Amino acid sequence: MAIVEQHLSPDRELNLVVDLTNDDWTIGFEGYPYHTHADLLSRSGYHGPPKEGVRDFVDDILASCRAIVIWRVNGRIRDCDVPDEVDWKRLDDGLAKYGVPGETFEVRFWNGLPAVR
């Protein structure tokens, strides 16, 4: 891994990491499975050279323009995701069908403010 930047959320719960290894840009949250790659960002509306798409995606997260879904089990973060759009019904249904005991989710922004249903 060659981490090129890191950003700790104001509440210190999330560390957004940008990695560039062998010309493969990866963006994710330190310690959690979720990540995406520059070549996938065009599906989310980020076009142009990979470096520019990554920059725009990261800037949107940091500016609290993109919602972050956080799943917790008994209060501890299990995973995070930055969806293209928040599908509340799918989140509720998925938790009801596949969630483990004590699992919850929250949808928030980088600045810690909750997303509204």
PDB file of N, CA and C in Angstrom:
ATOM      1  N   MET A   1       0.829  -1.184   0.000  1.00  0.00           N
ATOM      2  CA  MET A   1       0.000   0.000   0.000  1.00  0.00           C
ATOM      3  C   MET A   1       0.871   1.244   0.000  1.00  0.00           C
ATOM      4  N   ALA A   2       0.400   2.233  -0.731  1.00  0.00           N
ATOM      5  CA  ALA A   2       1.074   3.524  -0.752  1.00  0.00           C
ATOM      6  C   ALA A   2       0.021   4.589  -0.479  1.00  0.00           C
ATOM      7  N   ILE A   3      -0.201   4.865   0.781  1.00  0.00           N
ATOM      8  CA  ILE A   3      -1.213   5.838   1.166  1.00  0.00           C
ATOM      9  C   ILE A   3      -0.748   7.229   0.757  1.00  0.00           C
ATOM     10  N   VAL A   4      -1.602   7.920  -0.013  1.00  0.00           N
ATOM     11  CA  VAL A   4      -1.244   9.257  -0.472  1.00  0.00           C
ATOM     12  C   VAL A   4      -1.957  10.346   0.326  1.00  0.00           C
ATOM     13  N   GLU A   5      -3.057   9.991   0.989  1.00  0.00           N
ATOM     14  CA  GLU A   5      -3.694  10.941   1.899  1.00  0.00           C
ATOM     15  C   GLU A   5      -4.629  10.200   2.842  1.00  0.00           C
ATOM     16  N   GLN A   6      -4.846  10.822   3.999  1.00  0.00           N
ATOM     17  CA  GLN A   6      -5.756  10.307   5.013  1.00  0.00           C
ATOM     18  C   GLN A   6      -6.529  11.482   5.597  1.00  0.00           C
ATOM     19  N   HIS A   7      -7.770  11.214   5.985  1.00  0.00           N
ATOM     20  CA  HIS A   7      -8.602  12.259   6.568  1.00  0.00           C
ATOM     21  C   HIS A   7      -9.376  11.657   7.732  1.00  0.00           C
ATOM     22  N   LEU A   8      -9.182  12.198   8.917  1.00  0.00           N
ATOM     23  CA  LEU A   8      -9.876  11.744  10.109  1.00  0.00           C
ATOM     24  C   LEU A   8     -11.137  12.592  10.280  1.00  0.00           C
ATOM     25  N   SER A   9     -12.281  11.932  10.416  1.00  0.00           N
ATOM     26  CA  SER A   9     -13.542  12.659  10.565  1.00  0.00           C
ATOM     27  C   SER A   9     -13.514  13.500  11.838  1.00  0.00           C
ATOM     28  N   PRO A  10     -14.279  14.580  11.854  1.00  0.00           N
ATOM     29  CA  PRO A  10     -14.277  15.464  13.023  1.00  0.00           C
ATOM     30  C   PRO A  10     -14.590  14.744  14.340  1.00  0.00           C
ATOM     31  N   ASP A  11     -15.425  13.695  14.280  1.00  0.00           N
ATOM     32  CA  ASP A  11     -15.738  12.948  15.500  1.00  0.00           C
ATOM     33  C   ASP A  11     -14.740  11.817  15.764  1.00  0.00           C
ATOM     34  N   ARG A  12     -13.742  11.718  14.898  1.00  0.00           N
ATOM     35  CA  ARG A  12     -12.642  10.759  15.023  1.00  0.00           C
ATOM     36  C   ARG A  12     -13.085   9.300  14.877  1.00  0.00           C
ATOM     37  N   GLU A  13     -14.256   9.070  14.288  1.00  0.00           N
ATOM     38  CA  GLU A  13     -14.745   7.701  14.104  1.00  0.00           C
ATOM     39  C   GLU A  13     -14.278   7.070  12.804  1.00  0.00           C
ATOM     40  N   LEU A  14     -14.047   7.876  11.786  1.00  0.00           N
ATOM     41  CA  LEU A  14     -13.695   7.347  10.469  1.00  0.00           C
ATOM     42  C   LEU A  14     -12.391   7.946   9.981  1.00  0.00           C
ATOM     43  N   ASN A  15     -11.586   7.121   9.349  1.00  0.00           N
ATOM     44  CA  ASN A  15     -10.350   7.585   8.724  1.00  0.00           C
ATOM     45  C   ASN A  15     -10.439   7.223   7.243  1.00  0.00           C
ATOM     46  N   LEU A  16     -10.681   8.225   6.420  1.00  0.00           N
ATOM     47  CA  LEU A  16     -10.765   8.021   4.980  1.00  0.00           C
ATOM     48  C   LEU A  16      -9.355   7.964   4.418  1.00  0.00           C
ATOM     49  N   VAL A  17      -9.073   6.903   3.663  1.00  0.00           N
ATOM     50  CA  VAL A  17      -7.727   6.664   3.159  1.00  0.00           C
ATOM     51  C   VAL A  17      -7.754   6.589   1.632  1.00  0.00           C
ATOM     52  N   VAL A  18      -6.821   7.278   1.007  1.00  0.00           N
ATOM     53  CA  VAL A  18      -6.632   7.212  -0.442  1.00  0.00           C
ATOM     54  C   VAL A  18      -5.292   6.558  -0.683  1.00  0.00           C
ATOM     55  N   ASP A  19      -5.304   5.504  -1.484  1.00  0.00           N
ATOM     56  CA  ASP A  19      -4.101   4.715  -1.743  1.00  0.00           C
ATOM     57  C   ASP A  19      -3.831   4.685  -3.250  1.00  0.00           C
ATOM     58  N   LEU A  20      -2.577   4.744  -3.613  1.00  0.00           N
ATOM     59  CA  LEU A  20      -2.170   4.582  -5.009  1.00  0.00           C
ATOM     60  C   LEU A  20      -1.060   3.543  -5.043  1.00  0.00           C
ATOM     61  N   THR A  21      -1.403   2.366  -5.538  1.00  0.00           N
ATOM     62  CA  THR A  21      -0.443   1.274  -5.659  1.00  0.00           C
ATOM     63  C   THR A  21      -0.517   0.729  -7.079  1.00  0.00           C
ATOM     64  N   ASN A  22       0.603   0.712  -7.766  1.00  0.00           N
ATOM     65  CA  ASN A  22       0.664   0.196  -9.142  1.00  0.00           C
ATOM     66  C   ASN A  22      -0.392   0.829 -10.047  1.00  0.00           C
ATOM     67  N   ASP A  23      -0.509   2.152  -9.982  1.00  0.00           N
ATOM     68  CA  ASP A  23      -1.464   2.920 -10.795  1.00  0.00           C
ATOM     69  C   ASP A  23      -2.928   2.595 -10.491  1.00  0.00           C
ATOM     70  N   ASP A  24      -3.212   1.953  -9.353  1.00  0.00           N
ATOM     71  CA  ASP A  24      -4.583   1.639  -8.948  1.00  0.00           C
ATOM     72  C   ASP A  24      -4.955   2.511  -7.757  1.00  0.00           C
ATOM     73  N   TRP A  25      -5.852   3.477  -8.000  1.00  0.00           N
ATOM     74  CA  TRP A  25      -6.340   4.352  -6.944  1.00  0.00           C
ATOM     75  C   TRP A  25      -7.427   3.620  -6.164  1.00  0.00           C
ATOM     76  N   THR A  26      -7.316   3.597  -4.850  1.00  0.00           N
ATOM     77  CA  THR A  26      -8.305   2.964  -3.979  1.00  0.00           C
ATOM     78  C   THR A  26      -8.689   3.947  -2.888  1.00  0.00           C
ATOM     79  N   ILE A  27      -9.988   4.030  -2.600  1.00  0.00           N
ATOM     80  CA  ILE A  27     -10.494   4.898  -1.548  1.00  0.00           C
ATOM     81  C   ILE A  27     -11.328   4.041  -0.607  1.00  0.00           C
ATOM     82  N   GLY A  28     -11.088   4.170   0.689  1.00  0.00           N
ATOM     83  CA  GLY A  28     -11.863   3.407   1.662  1.00  0.00           C
ATOM     84  C   GLY A  28     -11.668   3.958   3.054  1.00  0.00           C
ATOM     85  N   PHE A  29     -12.242   3.261   4.023  1.00  0.00           N
ATOM     86  CA  PHE A  29     -12.126   3.654   5.415  1.00  0.00           C
ATOM     87  C   PHE A  29     -11.213   2.663   6.121  1.00  0.00           C
ATOM     88  N   GLU A  30     -10.203   3.172   6.769  1.00  0.00           N
ATOM     89  CA  GLU A  30      -9.220   2.333   7.445  1.00  0.00           C
ATOM     90  C   GLU A  30      -9.899   1.382   8.430  1.00  0.00           C
ATOM     91  N   GLY A  31      -9.574   0.102   8.282  1.00  0.00           N
ATOM     92  CA  GLY A  31     -10.064  -0.908   9.202  1.00  0.00           C
ATOM     93  C   GLY A  31     -11.381  -1.557   8.830  1.00  0.00           C
ATOM     94  N   TYR A  32     -11.977  -1.142   7.693  1.00  0.00           N
ATOM     95  CA  TYR A  32     -13.281  -1.673   7.303  1.00  0.00           C
ATOM     96  C   TYR A  32     -13.232  -2.160   5.862  1.00  0.00           C
ATOM     97  N   PRO A  33     -14.071  -3.149   5.522  1.00  0.00           N
ATOM     98  CA  PRO A  33     -14.003  -3.752   4.189  1.00  0.00           C
ATOM     99  C   PRO A  33     -14.310  -2.820   3.018  1.00  0.00           C
ATOM    100  N   TYR A  34     -15.253  -1.874   3.197  1.00  0.00           N
ATOM    101  CA  TYR A  34     -15.666  -1.047   2.067  1.00  0.00           C
ATOM    102  C   TYR A  34     -14.474  -0.331   1.434  1.00  0.00           C
ATOM    103  N   HIS A  35     -14.450  -0.346   0.117  1.00  0.00           N
ATOM    104  CA  HIS A  35     -13.515   0.478  -0.650  1.00  0.00           C
ATOM    105  C   HIS A  35     -14.029   0.552  -2.085  1.00  0.00           C
ATOM    106  N   THR A  36     -13.522   1.505  -2.812  1.00  0.00           N
ATOM    107  CA  THR A  36     -13.828   1.607  -4.230  1.00  0.00           C
ATOM    108  C   THR A  36     -12.551   1.974  -4.968  1.00  0.00           C
ATOM    109  N   HIS A  37     -12.591   1.835  -6.273  1.00  0.00           N
ATOM    110  CA  HIS A  37     -11.430   2.112  -7.119  1.00  0.00           C
ATOM    111  C   HIS A  37     -11.771   3.231  -8.090  1.00  0.00           C
ATOM    112  N   ALA A  38     -10.766   3.945  -8.507  1.00  0.00           N
ATOM    113  CA  ALA A  38     -10.951   5.078  -9.423  1.00  0.00           C
ATOM    114  C   ALA A  38     -11.702   4.675 -10.683  1.00  0.00           C
ATOM    115  N   ASP A  39     -11.414   3.489 -11.212  1.00  0.00           N
ATOM    116  CA  ASP A  39     -12.062   3.086 -12.457  1.00  0.00           C
ATOM    117  C   ASP A  39     -13.556   2.795 -12.274  1.00  0.00           C
ATOM    118  N   LEU A  40     -14.032   2.689 -11.042  1.00  0.00           N
ATOM    119  CA  LEU A  40     -15.453   2.468 -10.784  1.00  0.00           C
ATOM    120  C   LEU A  40     -16.209   3.774 -10.533  1.00  0.00           C
ATOM    121  N   LEU A  41     -15.492   4.855 -10.317  1.00  0.00           N
ATOM    122  CA  LEU A  41     -16.133   6.113  -9.949  1.00  0.00           C
ATOM    123  C   LEU A  41     -16.979   6.722 -11.068  1.00  0.00           C
ATOM    124  N   SER A  42     -16.713   6.346 -12.317  1.00  0.00           N
ATOM    125  CA  SER A  42     -17.520   6.885 -13.418  1.00  0.00           C
ATOM    126  C   SER A  42     -18.974   6.444 -13.270  1.00  0.00           C
ATOM    127  N   ARG A  43     -19.215   5.292 -12.646  1.00  0.00           N
ATOM    128  CA  ARG A  43     -20.584   4.819 -12.395  1.00  0.00           C
ATOM    129  C   ARG A  43     -21.319   5.747 -11.422  1.00  0.00           C
ATOM    130  N   SER A  44     -20.549   6.484 -10.638  1.00  0.00           N
ATOM    131  CA  SER A  44     -21.111   7.395  -9.646  1.00  0.00           C
ATOM    132  C   SER A  44     -21.085   8.840 -10.115  1.00  0.00           C
ATOM    133  N   GLY A  45     -20.749   9.043 -11.404  1.00  0.00           N
ATOM    134  CA  GLY A  45     -20.778  10.383 -11.968  1.00  0.00           C
ATOM    135  C   GLY A  45     -19.461  11.127 -11.934  1.00  0.00           C
ATOM    136  N   TYR A  46     -18.374  10.459 -11.595  1.00  0.00           N
ATOM    137  CA  TYR A  46     -17.060  11.103 -11.556  1.00  0.00           C
ATOM    138  C   TYR A  46     -16.299  10.691 -12.801  1.00  0.00           C
ATOM    139  N   HIS A  47     -16.077  11.650 -13.678  1.00  0.00           N
ATOM    140  CA  HIS A  47     -15.457  11.361 -14.970  1.00  0.00           C
ATOM    141  C   HIS A  47     -14.109  12.060 -15.089  1.00  0.00           C
ATOM    142  N   GLY A  48     -13.396  11.727 -16.141  1.00  0.00           N
ATOM    143  CA  GLY A  48     -12.083  12.320 -16.370  1.00  0.00           C
ATOM    144  C   GLY A  48     -10.991  11.363 -15.931  1.00  0.00           C
ATOM    145  N   PRO A  49      -9.772  11.856 -15.909  1.00  0.00           N
ATOM    146  CA  PRO A  49      -8.646  11.011 -15.494  1.00  0.00           C
ATOM    147  C   PRO A  49      -8.856  10.496 -14.071  1.00  0.00           C
ATOM    148  N   PRO A  50      -8.335   9.305 -13.771  1.00  0.00           N
ATOM    149  CA  PRO A  50      -8.537   8.705 -12.444  1.00  0.00           C
ATOM    150  C   PRO A  50      -8.201   9.639 -11.279  1.00  0.00           C
ATOM    151  N   LYS A  51      -7.087  10.343 -11.376  1.00  0.00           N
ATOM    152  CA  LYS A  51      -6.682  11.219 -10.277  1.00  0.00           C
ATOM    153  C   LYS A  51      -7.731  12.298 -10.014  1.00  0.00           C
ATOM    154  N   GLU A  52      -8.322  12.841 -11.070  1.00  0.00           N
ATOM    155  CA  GLU A  52      -9.346  13.877 -10.919  1.00  0.00           C
ATOM    156  C   GLU A  52     -10.634  13.316 -10.329  1.00  0.00           C
ATOM    157  N   GLY A  53     -11.032  12.123 -10.786  1.00  0.00           N
ATOM    158  CA  GLY A  53     -12.230  11.483 -10.241  1.00  0.00           C
ATOM    159  C   GLY A  53     -12.080  11.201  -8.760  1.00  0.00           C
ATOM    160  N   VAL A  54     -10.915  10.700  -8.378  1.00  0.00           N
ATOM    161  CA  VAL A  54     -10.639  10.424  -6.965  1.00  0.00           C
ATOM    162  C   VAL A  54     -10.696  11.721  -6.163  1.00  0.00           C
ATOM    163  N   ARG A  55     -10.058  12.764  -6.674  1.00  0.00           N
ATOM    164  CA  ARG A  55     -10.038  14.041  -5.974  1.00  0.00           C
ATOM    165  C   ARG A  55     -11.464  14.565  -5.754  1.00  0.00           C
ATOM    166  N   ASP A  56     -12.289  14.517  -6.812  1.00  0.00           N
ATOM    167  CA  ASP A  56     -13.658  15.012  -6.707  1.00  0.00           C
ATOM    168  C   ASP A  56     -14.481  14.169  -5.729  1.00  0.00           C
ATOM    169  N   PHE A  57     -14.337  12.853  -5.769  1.00  0.00           N
ATOM    170  CA  PHE A  57     -15.062  11.951  -4.872  1.00  0.00           C
ATOM    171  C   PHE A  57     -14.678  12.218  -3.419  1.00  0.00           C
ATOM    172  N   VAL A  58     -13.394  12.288  -3.155  1.00  0.00           N
ATOM    173  CA  VAL A  58     -12.913  12.548  -1.790  1.00  0.00           C
ATOM    174  C   VAL A  58     -13.371  13.931  -1.323  1.00  0.00           C
ATOM    175  N   ASP A  59     -13.254  14.932  -2.180  1.00  0.00           N
ATOM    176  CA  ASP A  59     -13.692  16.282  -1.808  1.00  0.00           C
ATOM    177  C   ASP A  59     -15.181  16.306  -1.473  1.00  0.00           C
ATOM    178  N   ASP A  60     -16.004  15.566  -2.230  1.00  0.00           N
ATOM    179  CA  ASP A  60     -17.437  15.517  -1.949  1.00  0.00           C
ATOM    180  C   ASP A  60     -17.721  14.859  -0.596  1.00  0.00           C
ATOM    181  N   ILE A  61     -16.988  13.817  -0.262  1.00  0.00           N
ATOM    182  CA  ILE A  61     -17.154  13.188   1.053  1.00  0.00           C
ATOM    183  C   ILE A  61     -16.781  14.175   2.144  1.00  0.00           C
ATOM    184  N   LEU A  62     -15.619  14.788   2.012  1.00  0.00           N
ATOM    185  CA  LEU A  62     -15.127  15.707   3.043  1.00  0.00           C
ATOM    186  C   LEU A  62     -16.000  16.952   3.194  1.00  0.00           C
ATOM    187  N   ALA A  63     -16.666  17.351   2.121  1.00  0.00           N
ATOM    188  CA  ALA A  63     -17.552  18.514   2.165  1.00  0.00           C
ATOM    189  C   ALA A  63     -18.966  18.131   2.629  1.00  0.00           C
ATOM    190  N   SER A  64     -19.126  16.875   3.041  1.00  0.00           N
ATOM    191  CA  SER A  64     -20.425  16.354   3.501  1.00  0.00           C
ATOM    192  C   SER A  64     -21.492  16.450   2.414  1.00  0.00           C
ATOM    193  N   CYS A  65     -21.079  16.209   1.168  1.00  0.00           N
ATOM    194  CA  CYS A  65     -22.006  16.165   0.041  1.00  0.00           C
ATOM    195  C   CYS A  65     -22.423  14.731  -0.287  1.00  0.00           C
ATOM    196  N   ARG A  66     -21.742  13.759   0.301  1.00  0.00           N
ATOM    197  CA  ARG A  66     -22.053  12.345   0.082  1.00  0.00           C
ATOM    198  C   ARG A  66     -22.380  11.707   1.422  1.00  0.00           C
ATOM    199  N   ALA A  67     -23.491  10.981   1.457  1.00  0.00           N
ATOM    200  CA  ALA A  67     -23.886  10.279   2.681  1.00  0.00           C
ATOM    201  C   ALA A  67     -22.994   9.055   2.888  1.00  0.00           C
ATOM    202  N   ILE A  68     -22.801   8.716   4.141  1.00  0.00           N
ATOM    203  CA  ILE A  68     -22.026   7.547   4.540  1.00  0.00           C
ATOM    204  C   ILE A  68     -22.946   6.666   5.369  1.00  0.00           C
ATOM    205  N   VAL A  69     -23.031   5.392   5.003  1.00  0.00           N
ATOM    206  CA  VAL A  69     -23.805   4.436   5.788  1.00  0.00           C
ATOM    207  C   VAL A  69     -22.825   3.702   6.697  1.00  0.00           C
ATOM    208  N   ILE A  70     -23.156   3.656   7.978  1.00  0.00           N
ATOM    209  CA  ILE A  70     -22.312   2.964   8.951  1.00  0.00           C
ATOM    210  C   ILE A  70     -23.149   1.875   9.609  1.00  0.00           C
ATOM    211  N   TRP A  71     -22.677   0.644   9.539  1.00  0.00           N
ATOM    212  CA  TRP A  71     -23.315  -0.468  10.222  1.00  0.00           C
ATOM    213  C   TRP A  71     -22.561  -0.731  11.517  1.00  0.00           C
ATOM    214  N   ARG A  72     -23.314  -0.927  12.580  1.00  0.00           N
ATOM    215  CA  ARG A  72     -22.723  -1.219  13.884  1.00  0.00           C
ATOM    216  C   ARG A  72     -23.335  -2.507  14.439  1.00  0.00           C
ATOM    217  N   VAL A  73     -22.532  -3.227  15.188  1.00  0.00           N
ATOM    218  CA  VAL A  73     -23.018  -4.371  15.948  1.00  0.00           C
ATOM    219  C   VAL A  73     -22.681  -4.080  17.398  1.00  0.00           C
ATOM    220  N   ASN A  74     -23.728  -4.009  18.213  1.00  0.00           N
ATOM    221  CA  ASN A  74     -23.571  -3.664  19.628  1.00  0.00           C
ATOM    222  C   ASN A  74     -22.746  -2.390  19.806  1.00  0.00           C
ATOM    223  N   GLY A  75     -23.004  -1.416  18.941  1.00  0.00           N
ATOM    224  CA  GLY A  75     -22.362  -0.110  19.046  1.00  0.00           C
ATOM    225  C   GLY A  75     -21.017   0.025  18.376  1.00  0.00           C
ATOM    226  N   ARG A  76     -20.414  -1.080  17.945  1.00  0.00           N
ATOM    227  CA  ARG A  76     -19.093  -1.020  17.296  1.00  0.00           C
ATOM    228  C   ARG A  76     -19.250  -1.052  15.787  1.00  0.00           C
ATOM    229  N   ILE A  77     -18.501  -0.199  15.102  1.00  0.00           N
ATOM    230  CA  ILE A  77     -18.590  -0.150  13.640  1.00  0.00           C
ATOM    231  C   ILE A  77     -18.131  -1.478  13.039  1.00  0.00           C
ATOM    232  N   ARG A  78     -18.994  -2.025  12.163  1.00  0.00           N
ATOM    233  CA  ARG A  78     -18.680  -3.254  11.430  1.00  0.00           C
ATOM    234  C   ARG A  78     -18.224  -2.923  10.008  1.00  0.00           C
ATOM    235  N   ASP A  79     -18.870  -1.937   9.386  1.00  0.00           N
ATOM    236  CA  ASP A  79     -18.509  -1.550   8.015  1.00  0.00           C
ATOM    237  C   ASP A  79     -19.117  -0.185   7.717  1.00  0.00           C
ATOM    238  N   CYS A  80     -18.640   0.410   6.634  1.00  0.00           N
ATOM    239  CA  CYS A  80     -19.110   1.711   6.155  1.00  0.00           C
ATOM    240  C   CYS A  80     -19.269   1.597   4.640  1.00  0.00           C
ATOM    241  N   ASP A  81     -20.049   2.500   4.088  1.00  0.00           N
ATOM    242  CA  ASP A  81     -20.263   2.518   2.647  1.00  0.00           C
ATOM    243  C   ASP A  81     -20.592   3.951   2.239  1.00  0.00           C
ATOM    244  N   VAL A  82     -20.239   4.292   1.013  1.00  0.00           N
ATOM    245  CA  VAL A  82     -20.614   5.585   0.441  1.00  0.00           C
ATOM    246  C   VAL A  82     -21.449   5.265  -0.799  1.00  0.00           C
ATOM    247  N   PRO A  83     -22.772   5.141  -0.610  1.00  0.00           N
ATOM    248  CA  PRO A  83     -23.629   4.763  -1.740  1.00  0.00           C
ATOM    249  C   PRO A  83     -23.859   5.927  -2.696  1.00  0.00           C
ATOM    250  N   ASP A  84     -24.239   5.601  -3.915  1.00  0.00           N
ATOM    251  CA  ASP A  84     -24.579   6.651  -4.877  1.00  0.00           C
ATOM    252  C   ASP A  84     -25.803   7.431  -4.398  1.00  0.00           C
ATOM    253  N   GLU A  85     -26.768   6.711  -3.865  1.00  0.00           N
ATOM    254  CA  GLU A  85     -27.916   7.344  -3.232  1.00  0.00           C
ATOM    255  C   GLU A  85     -28.379   6.423  -2.110  1.00  0.00           C
ATOM    256  N   VAL A  86     -28.985   7.013  -1.116  1.00  0.00           N
ATOM    257  CA  VAL A  86     -29.429   6.245   0.041  1.00  0.00           C
ATOM    258  C   VAL A  86     -30.801   5.651  -0.256  1.00  0.00           C
ATOM    259  N   ASP A  87     -30.884   4.338  -0.207  1.00  0.00           N
ATOM    260  CA  ASP A  87     -32.142   3.620  -0.399  1.00  0.00           C
ATOM    261  C   ASP A  87     -32.582   3.123   0.980  1.00  0.00           C
ATOM    262  N   TRP A  88     -33.358   3.953   1.679  1.00  0.00           N
ATOM    263  CA  TRP A  88     -33.735   3.650   3.057  1.00  0.00           C
ATOM    264  C   TRP A  88     -34.485   2.333   3.170  1.00  0.00           C
ATOM    265  N   LYS A  89     -35.383   2.061   2.231  1.00  0.00           N
ATOM    266  CA  LYS A  89     -36.151   0.810   2.283  1.00  0.00           C
ATOM    267  C   LYS A  89     -35.231  -0.393   2.166  1.00  0.00           C
ATOM    268  N   ARG A  90     -34.300  -0.315   1.247  1.00  0.00           N
ATOM    269  CA  ARG A  90     -33.362  -1.430   1.070  1.00  0.00           C
ATOM    270  C   ARG A  90     -32.515  -1.623   2.335  1.00  0.00           C
ATOM    271  N   LEU A  91     -32.090  -0.526   2.950  1.00  0.00           N
ATOM    272  CA  LEU A  91     -31.315  -0.630   4.182  1.00  0.00           C
ATOM    273  C   LEU A  91     -32.145  -1.258   5.295  1.00  0.00           C
ATOM    274  N   ASP A  92     -33.383  -0.787   5.466  1.00  0.00           N
ATOM    275  CA  ASP A  92     -34.263  -1.343   6.495  1.00  0.00           C
ATOM    276  C   ASP A  92     -34.540  -2.827   6.236  1.00  0.00           C
ATOM    277  N   ASP A  93     -34.898  -3.145   4.980  1.00  0.00           N
ATOM    278  CA  ASP A  93     -35.206  -4.534   4.636  1.00  0.00           C
ATOM    279  C   ASP A  93     -33.990  -5.438   4.801  1.00  0.00           C
ATOM    280  N   GLY A  94     -32.828  -4.959   4.386  1.00  0.00           N
ATOM    281  CA  GLY A  94     -31.605  -5.758   4.509  1.00  0.00           C
ATOM    282  C   GLY A  94     -31.252  -6.035   5.956  1.00  0.00           C
ATOM    283  N   LEU A  95     -31.419  -5.033   6.800  1.00  0.00           N
ATOM    284  CA  LEU A  95     -31.132  -5.228   8.219  1.00  0.00           C
ATOM    285  C   LEU A  95     -32.113  -6.224   8.829  1.00  0.00           C
ATOM    286  N   ALA A  96     -33.399  -6.098   8.470  1.00  0.00           N
ATOM    287  CA  ALA A  96     -34.408  -7.004   9.000  1.00  0.00           C
ATOM    288  C   ALA A  96     -34.161  -8.443   8.545  1.00  0.00           C
ATOM    289  N   LYS A  97     -33.725  -8.601   7.309  1.00  0.00           N
ATOM    290  CA  LYS A  97     -33.559  -9.946   6.741  1.00  0.00           C
ATOM    291  C   LYS A  97     -32.194 -10.561   7.058  1.00  0.00           C
ATOM    292  N   TYR A  98     -31.125  -9.751   6.997  1.00  0.00           N
ATOM    293  CA  TYR A  98     -29.777 -10.294   7.101  1.00  0.00           C
ATOM    294  C   TYR A  98     -29.001  -9.819   8.331  1.00  0.00           C
ATOM    295  N   GLY A  99     -29.557  -8.872   9.063  1.00  0.00           N
ATOM    296  CA  GLY A  99     -28.847  -8.322  10.215  1.00  0.00           C
ATOM    297  C   GLY A  99     -28.635  -9.353  11.313  1.00  0.00           C
ATOM    298  N   VAL A 100     -27.584  -9.159  12.051  1.00  0.00           N
ATOM    299  CA  VAL A 100     -27.290 -10.032  13.191  1.00  0.00           C
ATOM    300  C   VAL A 100     -27.835  -9.351  14.449  1.00  0.00           C
ATOM    301  N   PRO A 101     -28.037 -10.110  15.524  1.00  0.00           N
ATOM    302  CA  PRO A 101     -28.524  -9.492  16.752  1.00  0.00           C
ATOM    303  C   PRO A 101     -27.634  -8.311  17.173  1.00  0.00           C
ATOM    304  N   GLY A 102     -28.267  -7.226  17.531  1.00  0.00           N
ATOM    305  CA  GLY A 102     -27.528  -6.037  17.962  1.00  0.00           C
ATOM    306  C   GLY A 102     -27.035  -5.152  16.842  1.00  0.00           C
ATOM    307  N   GLU A 103     -27.389  -5.476  15.588  1.00  0.00           N
ATOM    308  CA  GLU A 103     -26.906  -4.682  14.451  1.00  0.00           C
ATOM    309  C   GLU A 103     -27.852  -3.526  14.158  1.00  0.00           C
ATOM    310  N   THR A 104     -27.269  -2.378  13.874  1.00  0.00           N
ATOM    311  CA  THR A 104     -28.002  -1.184  13.488  1.00  0.00           C
ATOM    312  C   THR A 104     -27.250  -0.518  12.343  1.00  0.00           C
ATOM    313  N   PHE A 105     -27.886   0.465  11.735  1.00  0.00           N
ATOM    314  CA  PHE A 105     -27.174   1.280  10.763  1.00  0.00           C
ATOM    315  C   PHE A 105     -27.537   2.728  10.991  1.00  0.00           C
ATOM    316  N   GLU A 106     -26.653   3.599  10.565  1.00  0.00           N
ATOM    317  CA  GLU A 106     -26.929   5.023  10.571  1.00  0.00           C
ATOM    318  C   GLU A 106     -26.459   5.586   9.238  1.00  0.00           C
ATOM    319  N   VAL A 107     -27.110   6.645   8.819  1.00  0.00           N
ATOM    320  CA  VAL A 107     -26.704   7.332   7.601  1.00  0.00           C
ATOM    321  C   VAL A 107     -26.365   8.756   8.026  1.00  0.00           C
ATOM    322  N   ARG A 108     -25.147   9.137   7.751  1.00  0.00           N
ATOM    323  CA  ARG A 108     -24.651  10.434   8.206  1.00  0.00           C
ATOM    324  C   ARG A 108     -23.717  11.020   7.168  1.00  0.00           C
ATOM    325  N   PHE A 109     -23.259  12.210   7.467  1.00  0.00           N
ATOM    326  CA  PHE A 109     -22.287  12.868   6.607  1.00  0.00           C
ATOM    327  C   PHE A 109     -20.950  12.932   7.331  1.00  0.00           C
ATOM    328  N   TRP A 110     -19.917  13.308   6.601  1.00  0.00           N
ATOM    329  CA  TRP A 110     -18.567  13.386   7.159  1.00  0.00           C
ATOM    330  C   TRP A 110     -18.530  14.264   8.403  1.00  0.00           C
ATOM    331  N   ASN A 111     -19.285  15.356   8.377  1.00  0.00           N
ATOM    332  CA  ASN A 111     -19.278  16.289   9.498  1.00  0.00           C
ATOM    333  C   ASN A 111     -20.032  15.751  10.721  1.00  0.00           C
ATOM    334  N   GLY A 112     -20.605  14.556  10.596  1.00  0.00           N
ATOM    335  CA  GLY A 112     -21.290  13.919  11.719  1.00  0.00           C
ATOM    336  C   GLY A 112     -22.786  14.152  11.749  1.00  0.00           C
ATOM    337  N   LEU A 113     -23.286  15.064  10.913  1.00  0.00           N
ATOM    338  CA  LEU A 113     -24.720  15.315  10.901  1.00  0.00           C
ATOM    339  C   LEU A 113     -25.462  14.139  10.254  1.00  0.00           C
ATOM    340  N   PRO A 114     -26.631  13.791  10.794  1.00  0.00           N
ATOM    341  CA  PRO A 114     -27.382  12.671  10.228  1.00  0.00           C
ATOM    342  C   PRO A 114     -28.032  13.052   8.902  1.00  0.00           C
ATOM    343  N   ALA A 115     -28.158  12.062   8.035  1.00  0.00           N
ATOM    344  CA  ALA A 115     -28.931  12.239   6.798  1.00  0.00           C
ATOM    345  C   ALA A 115     -30.400  12.062   7.178  1.00  0.00           C
ATOM    346  N   VAL A 116     -31.266  12.802   6.542  1.00  0.00           N
ATOM    347  CA  VAL A 116     -32.680  12.765   6.850  1.00  0.00           C
ATOM    348  C   VAL A 116     -33.393  11.847   5.870  1.00  0.00           C
ATOM    349  N   ARG A 117     -34.300  11.042   6.402  1.00  0.00           N
ATOM    350  CA  ARG A 117     -35.086  10.142   5.547  1.00  0.00           C
ATOM    351  C   ARG A 117     -36.009  10.929   4.677  1.00  0.00           C
TER     352      ARG A 117
END
